[in-house]
C-alpha atoms as a PDB file:
ATOM      1  CA  MET A   1     169.070 125.670 211.341  1.00  0.00           C
ATOM      2  CA  MET A   2     166.899 124.752 213.973  1.00  0.00           C
ATOM      3  CA  VAL A   3     165.458 121.553 212.121  1.00  0.00           C
ATOM      4  CA  THR A   4     169.317 120.480 211.311  1.00  0.00           C
ATOM      5  CA  GLY A   5     170.805 120.565 214.886  1.00  0.00           C
ATOM      6  CA  ILE A   6     167.038 118.500 215.876  1.00  0.00           C
ATOM      7  CA  ILE A   7     168.142 116.100 214.136  1.00  0.00           C
ATOM      8  CA  ALA A   8     171.451 116.062 214.340  1.00  0.00           C
ATOM      9  CA  CYS A   9     170.764 115.800 218.188  1.00  0.00           C
ATOM     10  CA  GLN A  10     168.434 112.906 217.540  1.00  0.00           C
ATOM     11  CA  ALA A  11     171.185 111.083 216.163  1.00  0.00           C
ATOM     12  CA  ARG A  12     173.748 111.201 218.572  1.00  0.00           C
ATOM     13  CA  ARG A  13     171.126 110.338 221.014  1.00  0.00           C
ATOM     14  CA  VAL A  14     170.527 107.055 219.287  1.00  0.00           C
ATOM     15  CA  CYS A  15     174.515 106.197 218.478  1.00  0.00           C
ATOM     16  CA  VAL A  16     175.069 106.836 222.136  1.00  0.00           C
ATOM     17  CA  GLY A  17     171.914 104.261 223.254  1.00  0.00           C
ATOM     18  CA  ALA A  18     173.893 102.183 220.162  1.00  0.00           C
ATOM     19  CA  PHE A  19     176.864 102.354 222.119  1.00  0.00           C
ATOM     20  CA  LEU A  20     175.762 102.124 225.209  1.00  0.00           C
ATOM     21  CA  MET A  21     173.669  98.764 224.191  1.00  0.00           C
ATOM     22  CA  SER A  22     176.979  97.217 222.542  1.00  0.00           C
ATOM     23  CA  GLY A  23     178.649  96.980 226.000  1.00  0.00           C
ATOM     24  CA  ILE A  24     175.534  95.661 227.568  1.00  0.00           C
ATOM     25  CA  ILE A  25     174.811  93.131 225.276  1.00  0.00           C
ATOM     26  CA  ALA A  26     179.104  92.273 224.768  1.00  0.00           C
ATOM     27  CA  GLY A  27     178.233  91.219 228.290  1.00  0.00           C
ATOM     28  CA  GLY A  28     182.024  91.923 229.038  1.00  0.00           C
ATOM     29  CA  GLU A  29     183.554  95.028 231.001  1.00  0.00           C
ATOM     30  CA  MET A  30     184.697  98.238 228.801  1.00  0.00           C
ATOM     31  CA  SER A  31     187.995  99.155 228.559  1.00  0.00           C
ATOM     32  CA  ALA A  32     189.432 102.329 229.605  1.00  0.00           C
ATOM     33  CA  SER A  33     189.139 104.361 226.762  1.00  0.00           C
ATOM     34  CA  ALA A  34     185.783 103.104 225.743  1.00  0.00           C
ATOM     35  CA  ARG A  35     184.660 103.938 228.986  1.00  0.00           C
ATOM     36  CA  THR A  36     186.117 107.209 228.413  1.00  0.00           C
ATOM     37  CA  GLN A  37     184.274 107.437 224.784  1.00  0.00           C
ATOM     38  CA  ARG A  38     181.067 106.918 226.444  1.00  0.00           C
ATOM     39  CA  CYS A  39     181.031 109.154 229.036  1.00  0.00           C
ATOM     40  CA  ARG A  40     182.442 112.227 226.349  1.00  0.00           C
ATOM     41  CA  LEU A  41     179.041 111.300 224.392  1.00  0.00           C
ATOM     42  CA  VAL A  42     176.385 111.329 226.996  1.00  0.00           C
ATOM     43  CA  GLU A  43     178.134 114.991 227.738  1.00  0.00           C
ATOM     44  CA  GLU A  44     177.601 116.070 224.490  1.00  0.00           C
ATOM     45  CA  VAL A  45     174.216 114.703 224.624  1.00  0.00           C
ATOM     46  CA  SER A  46     173.653 116.071 227.753  1.00  0.00           C
ATOM     47  CA  GLU A  47     175.045 119.923 226.224  1.00  0.00           C
ATOM     48  CA  VAL A  48     172.465 119.955 223.766  1.00  0.00           C
ATOM     49  CA  PRO A  49     170.418 123.345 223.557  1.00  0.00           C
ATOM     50  CA  ARG A  50     166.806 121.989 224.491  1.00  0.00           C
ATOM     51  CA  ILE A  51     163.887 124.292 224.010  1.00  0.00           C
ATOM     52  CA  THR A  52     162.952 125.672 227.826  1.00  0.00           C
ATOM     53  CA  GLN A  53     158.995 126.030 228.279  1.00  0.00           C
ATOM     54  CA  GLU A  54     159.945 130.458 228.371  1.00  0.00           C
ATOM     55  CA  GLN A  55     160.944 130.086 225.141  1.00  0.00           C
ATOM     56  CA  LYS A  56     157.693 127.716 223.382  1.00  0.00           C
ATOM     57  CA  LYS A  57     156.175 130.860 225.722  1.00  0.00           C
ATOM     58  CA  LEU A  58     157.401 133.025 223.691  1.00  0.00           C
ATOM     59  CA  ASN A  59     156.999 131.207 220.367  1.00  0.00           C
ATOM     60  CA  ARG A  60     153.237 130.969 221.412  1.00  0.00           C
ATOM     61  CA  GLU A  61     153.577 134.779 221.044  1.00  0.00           C
ATOM     62  CA  LYS A  62     154.826 135.634 218.233  1.00  0.00           C
ATOM     63  CA  ILE A  63     152.667 133.071 216.507  1.00  0.00           C
ATOM     64  CA  VAL A  64     149.309 135.025 218.177  1.00  0.00           C
ATOM     65  CA  ARG A  65     150.848 138.047 217.248  1.00  0.00           C
ATOM     66  CA  ALA A  66     151.563 137.411 213.611  1.00  0.00           C
ATOM     67  CA  ALA A  67     148.126 136.080 213.544  1.00  0.00           C
ATOM     68  CA  GLY A  68     146.264 138.557 215.427  1.00  0.00           C
ATOM     69  CA  GLU A  69     147.919 140.864 212.355  1.00  0.00           C
ATOM     70  CA  GLY A  70     147.278 139.067 210.074  1.00  0.00           C
ATOM     71  CA  PHE A  71     143.732 138.016 210.371  1.00  0.00           C
ATOM     72  CA  ARG A  72     142.866 141.296 211.286  1.00  0.00           C
ATOM     73  CA  LEU A  73     144.268 142.898 208.115  1.00  0.00           C
ATOM     74  CA  ARG A  74     143.152 140.223 205.924  1.00  0.00           C
ATOM     75  CA  GLY A  75     140.699 138.048 207.515  1.00  0.00           C
ATOM     76  CA  VAL A  76     140.896 134.418 208.818  1.00  0.00           C
ATOM     77  CA  ASP A  77     140.291 132.854 205.882  1.00  0.00           C
ATOM     78  CA  GLY A  78     143.299 135.450 203.869  1.00  0.00           C
ATOM     79  CA  ILE A  79     146.526 134.517 205.211  1.00  0.00           C
ATOM     80  CA  GLY A  80     147.901 129.811 206.002  1.00  0.00           C
ATOM     81  CA  ILE A  81     149.416 128.989 208.401  1.00  0.00           C
ATOM     82  CA  GLU A  82     152.696 128.462 206.320  1.00  0.00           C
ATOM     83  CA  GLU A  83     152.546 132.734 205.581  1.00  0.00           C
ATOM     84  CA  LEU A  84     151.733 133.243 209.391  1.00  0.00           C
ATOM     85  CA  MET A  85     154.971 131.171 210.447  1.00  0.00           C
ATOM     86  CA  LYS A  86     157.128 132.846 208.382  1.00  0.00           C
ATOM     87  CA  THR A  87     155.736 135.699 209.732  1.00  0.00           C
ATOM     88  CA  ALA A  88     156.542 134.993 213.313  1.00  0.00           C
ATOM     89  CA  GLY A  89     160.255 133.683 211.917  1.00  0.00           C
ATOM     90  CA  MET A  90     159.506 130.186 212.436  1.00  0.00           C
ATOM     91  CA  THR A  91     158.411 126.452 210.282  1.00  0.00           C
ATOM     92  CA  HIS A  92     155.038 125.234 209.190  1.00  0.00           C
ATOM     93  CA  GLY A  93     156.217 122.001 210.947  1.00  0.00           C
ATOM     94  CA  GLY A  94     156.181 124.334 214.358  1.00  0.00           C
ATOM     95  CA  PHE A  95     152.730 125.224 213.796  1.00  0.00           C
ATOM     96  CA  TYR A  96     151.555 122.194 215.626  1.00  0.00           C
ATOM     97  CA  ASN A  97     153.728 122.228 218.448  1.00  0.00           C
ATOM     98  CA  HIS A  98     151.400 124.943 219.349  1.00  0.00           C
ATOM     99  CA  PHE A  99     147.638 124.573 218.324  1.00  0.00           C
ATOM    100  CA  SER A 100     146.075 121.986 216.881  1.00  0.00           C
ATOM    101  CA  SER A 101     144.182 123.571 213.447  1.00  0.00           C
ATOM    102  CA  LYS A 102     143.584 127.403 212.269  1.00  0.00           C
ATOM    103  CA  GLU A 103     140.599 127.609 213.809  1.00  0.00           C
ATOM    104  CA  ASP A 104     142.234 126.595 217.151  1.00  0.00           C
ATOM    105  CA  LEU A 105     144.320 130.161 216.400  1.00  0.00           C
ATOM    106  CA  ALA A 106     141.350 131.825 215.402  1.00  0.00           C
ATOM    107  CA  LEU A 107     139.550 131.205 218.752  1.00  0.00           C
ATOM    108  CA  GLU A 108     143.167 132.445 220.441  1.00  0.00           C
ATOM    109  CA  VAL A 109     143.671 135.900 218.585  1.00  0.00           C
ATOM    110  CA  PHE A 110     139.960 136.802 219.291  1.00  0.00           C
ATOM    111  CA  ARG A 111     140.480 135.887 222.889  1.00  0.00           C
ATOM    112  CA  GLN A 112     143.610 138.044 222.868  1.00  0.00           C
ATOM    113  CA  GLY A 113     142.750 140.801 220.820  1.00  0.00           C
ATOM    114  CA  PHE A 114     139.745 141.142 223.391  1.00  0.00           C
ATOM    115  CA  ALA A 115     141.201 141.397 226.019  1.00  0.00           C
ATOM    116  CA  ASP A 116     143.776 143.713 224.250  1.00  0.00           C
ATOM    117  CA  SER A 117     141.425 146.263 223.692  1.00  0.00           C
ATOM    118  CA  LEU A 118     140.042 145.886 227.328  1.00  0.00           C
ATOM    119  CA  ASP A 119     143.420 146.965 228.701  1.00  0.00           C
ATOM    120  CA  ALA A 120     143.496 149.814 226.717  1.00  0.00           C
ATOM    121  CA  LEU A 121     140.230 150.822 227.797  1.00  0.00           C
ATOM    122  CA  ALA A 122     141.420 150.048 231.201  1.00  0.00           C
ATOM    123  CA  ALA A 123     143.661 152.656 230.723  1.00  0.00           C
ATOM    124  CA  ILE A 124     141.627 155.374 229.545  1.00  0.00           C
ATOM    125  CA  ARG A 125     139.192 155.250 232.901  1.00  0.00           C
ATOM    126  CA  GLU A 126     142.475 154.901 234.881  1.00  0.00           C
ATOM    127  CA  ALA A 127     143.647 157.749 233.130  1.00  0.00           C
ATOM    128  CA  HIS A 128     140.390 160.060 233.912  1.00  0.00           C
ATOM    129  CA  PRO A 129     139.694 158.486 237.541  1.00  0.00           C
ATOM    130  CA  ARG A 130     137.719 161.521 238.808  1.00  0.00           C
ATOM    131  CA  SER A 131     135.434 162.203 235.643  1.00  0.00           C
ATOM    132  CA  ALA A 132     133.972 159.184 233.445  1.00  0.00           C
ATOM    133  CA  ARG A 133     132.887 161.899 231.297  1.00  0.00           C
ATOM    134  CA  ALA A 134     135.959 162.691 230.390  1.00  0.00           C
ATOM    135  CA  ALA A 135     136.777 158.947 229.882  1.00  0.00           C
ATOM    136  CA  LEU A 136     134.083 158.088 227.079  1.00  0.00           C
ATOM    137  CA  ARG A 137     134.641 161.417 225.475  1.00  0.00           C
ATOM    138  CA  ASP A 138     139.112 159.810 225.305  1.00  0.00           C
ATOM    139  CA  MET A 139     137.473 156.422 224.695  1.00  0.00           C
ATOM    140  CA  VAL A 140     135.453 158.017 221.423  1.00  0.00           C
ATOM    141  CA  ASP A 141     138.064 159.899 220.056  1.00  0.00           C
ATOM    142  CA  VAL A 142     141.041 157.422 220.091  1.00  0.00           C
ATOM    143  CA  TYR A 143     138.527 154.973 218.700  1.00  0.00           C
ATOM    144  CA  LEU A 144     137.206 157.105 215.532  1.00  0.00           C
ATOM    145  CA  THR A 145     140.837 158.269 214.357  1.00  0.00           C
ATOM    146  CA  ALA A 146     142.519 158.050 211.275  1.00  0.00           C
ATOM    147  CA  VAL A 147     144.895 156.314 212.360  1.00  0.00           C
ATOM    148  CA  HIS A 148     142.640 153.508 214.020  1.00  0.00           C
ATOM    149  CA  ARG A 149     140.827 153.127 210.549  1.00  0.00           C
ATOM    150  CA  ASP A 150     144.420 152.737 208.269  1.00  0.00           C
ATOM    151  CA  HIS A 151     145.695 150.543 210.536  1.00  0.00           C
ATOM    152  CA  PRO A 152     143.336 147.597 211.587  1.00  0.00           C
ATOM    153  CA  GLU A 153     146.185 144.922 211.894  1.00  0.00           C
ATOM    154  CA  THR A 154     146.719 146.581 215.200  1.00  0.00           C
ATOM    155  CA  GLY A 155     143.092 147.566 216.244  1.00  0.00           C
ATOM    156  CA  CYS A 156     140.410 146.972 218.135  1.00  0.00           C
ATOM    157  CA  ALA A 157     139.466 143.257 217.048  1.00  0.00           C
ATOM    158  CA  SER A 158     135.588 143.862 217.711  1.00  0.00           C
ATOM    159  CA  ALA A 159     135.752 145.959 214.003  1.00  0.00           C
ATOM    160  CA  ALA A 160     138.327 143.990 212.229  1.00  0.00           C
ATOM    161  CA  LEU A 161     137.135 140.469 213.101  1.00  0.00           C
ATOM    162  CA  ALA A 162     133.170 140.938 213.500  1.00  0.00           C
ATOM    163  CA  VAL A 163     132.492 139.792 209.672  1.00  0.00           C
ATOM    164  CA  ASP A 164     135.284 136.255 210.731  1.00  0.00           C
ATOM    165  CA  ALA A 165     133.278 135.862 213.782  1.00  0.00           C
ATOM    166  CA  GLY A 166     129.941 135.808 211.343  1.00  0.00           C
ATOM    167  CA  ARG A 167     131.423 132.893 209.158  1.00  0.00           C
ATOM    168  CA  HIS A 168     133.407 130.830 211.277  1.00  0.00           C
ATOM    169  CA  GLY A 169     130.276 129.305 213.368  1.00  0.00           C
ATOM    170  CA  ALA A 170     128.900 129.022 216.715  1.00  0.00           C
ATOM    171  CA  THR A 171     132.136 128.838 218.548  1.00  0.00           C
ATOM    172  CA  SER A 172     133.965 131.488 217.348  1.00  0.00           C
ATOM    173  CA  GLN A 173     131.132 133.564 217.417  1.00  0.00           C
ATOM    174  CA  ALA A 174     130.890 132.823 221.362  1.00  0.00           C
ATOM    175  CA  GLU A 175     134.470 133.841 222.381  1.00  0.00           C
ATOM    176  CA  TYR A 176     133.286 136.968 219.655  1.00  0.00           C
ATOM    177  CA  ARG A 177     130.303 137.378 222.016  1.00  0.00           C
ATOM    178  CA  ARG A 178     132.599 136.957 225.435  1.00  0.00           C
ATOM    179  CA  GLY A 179     134.648 139.867 223.456  1.00  0.00           C
ATOM    180  CA  LEU A 180     131.577 141.727 223.497  1.00  0.00           C
ATOM    181  CA  GLU A 181     130.630 141.209 226.931  1.00  0.00           C
ATOM    182  CA  GLY A 182     133.271 142.807 228.244  1.00  0.00           C
ATOM    183  CA  TYR A 183     132.985 145.763 226.223  1.00  0.00           C
ATOM    184  CA  PHE A 184     129.685 146.254 227.118  1.00  0.00           C
ATOM    185  CA  SER A 185     129.777 146.015 230.902  1.00  0.00           C
ATOM    186  CA  THR A 186     132.850 148.103 231.165  1.00  0.00           C
ATOM    187  CA  ILE A 187     131.162 151.042 228.854  1.00  0.00           C
ATOM    188  CA  THR A 188     127.895 150.053 231.105  1.00  0.00           C
ATOM    189  CA  GLU A 189     130.476 150.684 234.420  1.00  0.00           C
ATOM    190  CA  MET A 190     131.481 154.220 232.653  1.00  0.00           C
ATOM    191  CA  VAL A 191     127.993 155.326 231.635  1.00  0.00           C
ATOM    192  CA  LEU A 192     126.683 154.460 235.740  1.00  0.00           C
ATOM    193  CA  ASP A 193     129.282 156.757 236.858  1.00  0.00           C
ATOM    194  CA  ARG A 194     128.777 159.575 234.746  1.00  0.00           C
ATOM    195  CA  ALA A 195     125.432 159.330 235.738  1.00  0.00           C
ATOM    196  CA  ARG A 196     126.335 159.207 239.268  1.00  0.00           C
ATOM    197  CA  GLN A 197     129.066 162.148 239.007  1.00  0.00           C
ATOM    198  CA  SER A 198     126.661 164.320 238.159  1.00  0.00           C
ATOM    199  CA  GLY A 199     123.460 163.658 240.476  1.00  0.00           C
ATOM    200  CA  THR A 200     121.561 161.894 237.053  1.00  0.00           C
ATOM    201  CA  GLU A 201     119.146 158.624 238.395  1.00  0.00           C
ATOM    202  CA  MET A 202     120.002 155.952 236.164  1.00  0.00           C
ATOM    203  CA  THR A 203     119.104 152.309 235.842  1.00  0.00           C
ATOM    204  CA  GLY A 204     121.535 149.462 235.042  1.00  0.00           C
ATOM    205  CA  ALA A 205     119.261 148.697 232.249  1.00  0.00           C
ATOM    206  CA  GLU A 206     119.651 152.189 231.104  1.00  0.00           C
ATOM    207  CA  ALA A 207     123.200 152.424 231.381  1.00  0.00           C
ATOM    208  CA  ARG A 208     123.516 149.205 229.842  1.00  0.00           C
ATOM    209  CA  GLU A 209     120.951 149.963 226.817  1.00  0.00           C
ATOM    210  CA  GLN A 210     123.490 153.196 226.249  1.00  0.00           C
ATOM    211  CA  ALA A 211     126.522 151.097 226.545  1.00  0.00           C
ATOM    212  CA  VAL A 212     125.628 148.798 223.465  1.00  0.00           C
ATOM    213  CA  ALA A 213     124.665 151.886 221.406  1.00  0.00           C
ATOM    214  CA  LEU A 214     127.339 153.557 221.968  1.00  0.00           C
ATOM    215  CA  PHE A 215     130.227 150.731 221.679  1.00  0.00           C
ATOM    216  CA  CYS A 216     127.600 149.275 218.201  1.00  0.00           C
ATOM    217  CA  GLN A 217     127.867 153.427 216.886  1.00  0.00           C
ATOM    218  CA  MET A 218     131.260 153.194 216.944  1.00  0.00           C
ATOM    219  CA  VAL A 219     132.357 150.276 215.477  1.00  0.00           C
ATOM    220  CA  GLY A 220     129.844 150.780 212.740  1.00  0.00           C
ATOM    221  CA  ALA A 221     131.194 153.697 211.953  1.00  0.00           C
ATOM    222  CA  LEU A 222     134.753 152.394 211.761  1.00  0.00           C
ATOM    223  CA  VAL A 223     133.778 149.795 209.420  1.00  0.00           C
ATOM    224  CA  VAL A 224     131.971 152.032 207.389  1.00  0.00           C
ATOM    225  CA  SER A 225     135.075 154.746 207.306  1.00  0.00           C
ATOM    226  CA  ARG A 226     137.139 151.800 206.453  1.00  0.00           C
ATOM    227  CA  ALA A 227     134.844 150.200 203.888  1.00  0.00           C
ATOM    228  CA  VAL A 228     135.574 152.979 201.218  1.00  0.00           C
ATOM    229  CA  ALA A 229     138.795 155.241 202.961  1.00  0.00           C
ATOM    230  CA  GLU A 230     140.370 154.183 199.576  1.00  0.00           C
ATOM    231  CA  ALA A 231     137.480 155.139 196.432  1.00  0.00           C
ATOM    232  CA  ASP A 232     136.554 158.310 199.312  1.00  0.00           C
ATOM    233  CA  PRO A 233     138.789 159.270 201.384  1.00  0.00           C
ATOM    234  CA  GLY A 234     136.798 162.350 202.472  1.00  0.00           C
ATOM    235  CA  LEU A 235     133.232 160.805 202.455  1.00  0.00           C
ATOM    236  CA  SER A 236     135.432 157.968 205.297  1.00  0.00           C
ATOM    237  CA  ASP A 237     136.836 161.319 207.088  1.00  0.00           C
ATOM    238  CA  GLU A 238     133.507 162.241 207.628  1.00  0.00           C
ATOM    239  CA  VAL A 239     132.069 159.576 208.544  1.00  0.00           C
ATOM    240  CA  LEU A 240     134.775 159.151 211.529  1.00  0.00           C
ATOM    241  CA  THR A 241     134.835 163.325 212.218  1.00  0.00           C
ATOM    242  CA  VAL A 242     129.949 162.725 212.620  1.00  0.00           C
ATOM    243  CA  ASN A 243     130.336 160.148 214.593  1.00  0.00           C
ATOM    244  CA  ARG A 244     132.784 161.462 216.901  1.00  0.00           C
ATOM    245  CA  LYS A 245     131.147 164.626 217.047  1.00  0.00           C
ATOM    246  CA  GLN A 246     128.068 162.855 218.130  1.00  0.00           C
ATOM    247  CA  LEU A 247     128.910 160.603 220.281  1.00  0.00           C
ATOM    248  CA  ARG A 248     130.497 163.295 222.368  1.00  0.00           C
ATOM    249  CA  GLN A 249     127.863 164.373 222.611  1.00  0.00           C
ATOM    250  CA  ARG A 250     125.890 162.139 224.798  1.00  0.00           C
END
């Protein structure tokens, strides 16, 4: 419907241009009826709806959302542009109004995915303003759950897109690295806060070492639990439970 409207709009503009030019080429004055017709045509063209910048932004967000879920669930190479655009409620051709390529879209999914995850982590910290230990335990409890395991399409990008980052070259890996550093920096701050609140001396390097190990163990446990979830649900649950218990004790 939108494509038809655009074609009709373009055709109407062509007609208006031809009509106006005919008056100029003729070199004579237009009759009253001709002038009236010209005004009506100009009014019709001005009333044709155009996509606003706000709508264009919303369309881009829909594409990124659809791709984020599709890439997390099936991998960057596991779903095509046509299917993604259909999921987003748009046509295939509209994709190139927003992204130059699928790789360009994948980079945006990496950026947005990590941004969303870091926002969620910030919310956990805000929920425990006086206890970094409670915030760290809450982070572990939220991350290593059956719900997170069973819904990678809405989960953490670091676990769901790790393999894609490795396969898609330096540019994708650089974007993934930026996301990782966001996690490492935030968790390092949480570890330092916990040390200060408990009266324990700790250097920044020591805190970062703990943060990197903590986060990588969470991601690894989630990936392994997903790898056997259908073949052995009990083992999958055990992987989550054991790692959650061990990480909460740190």
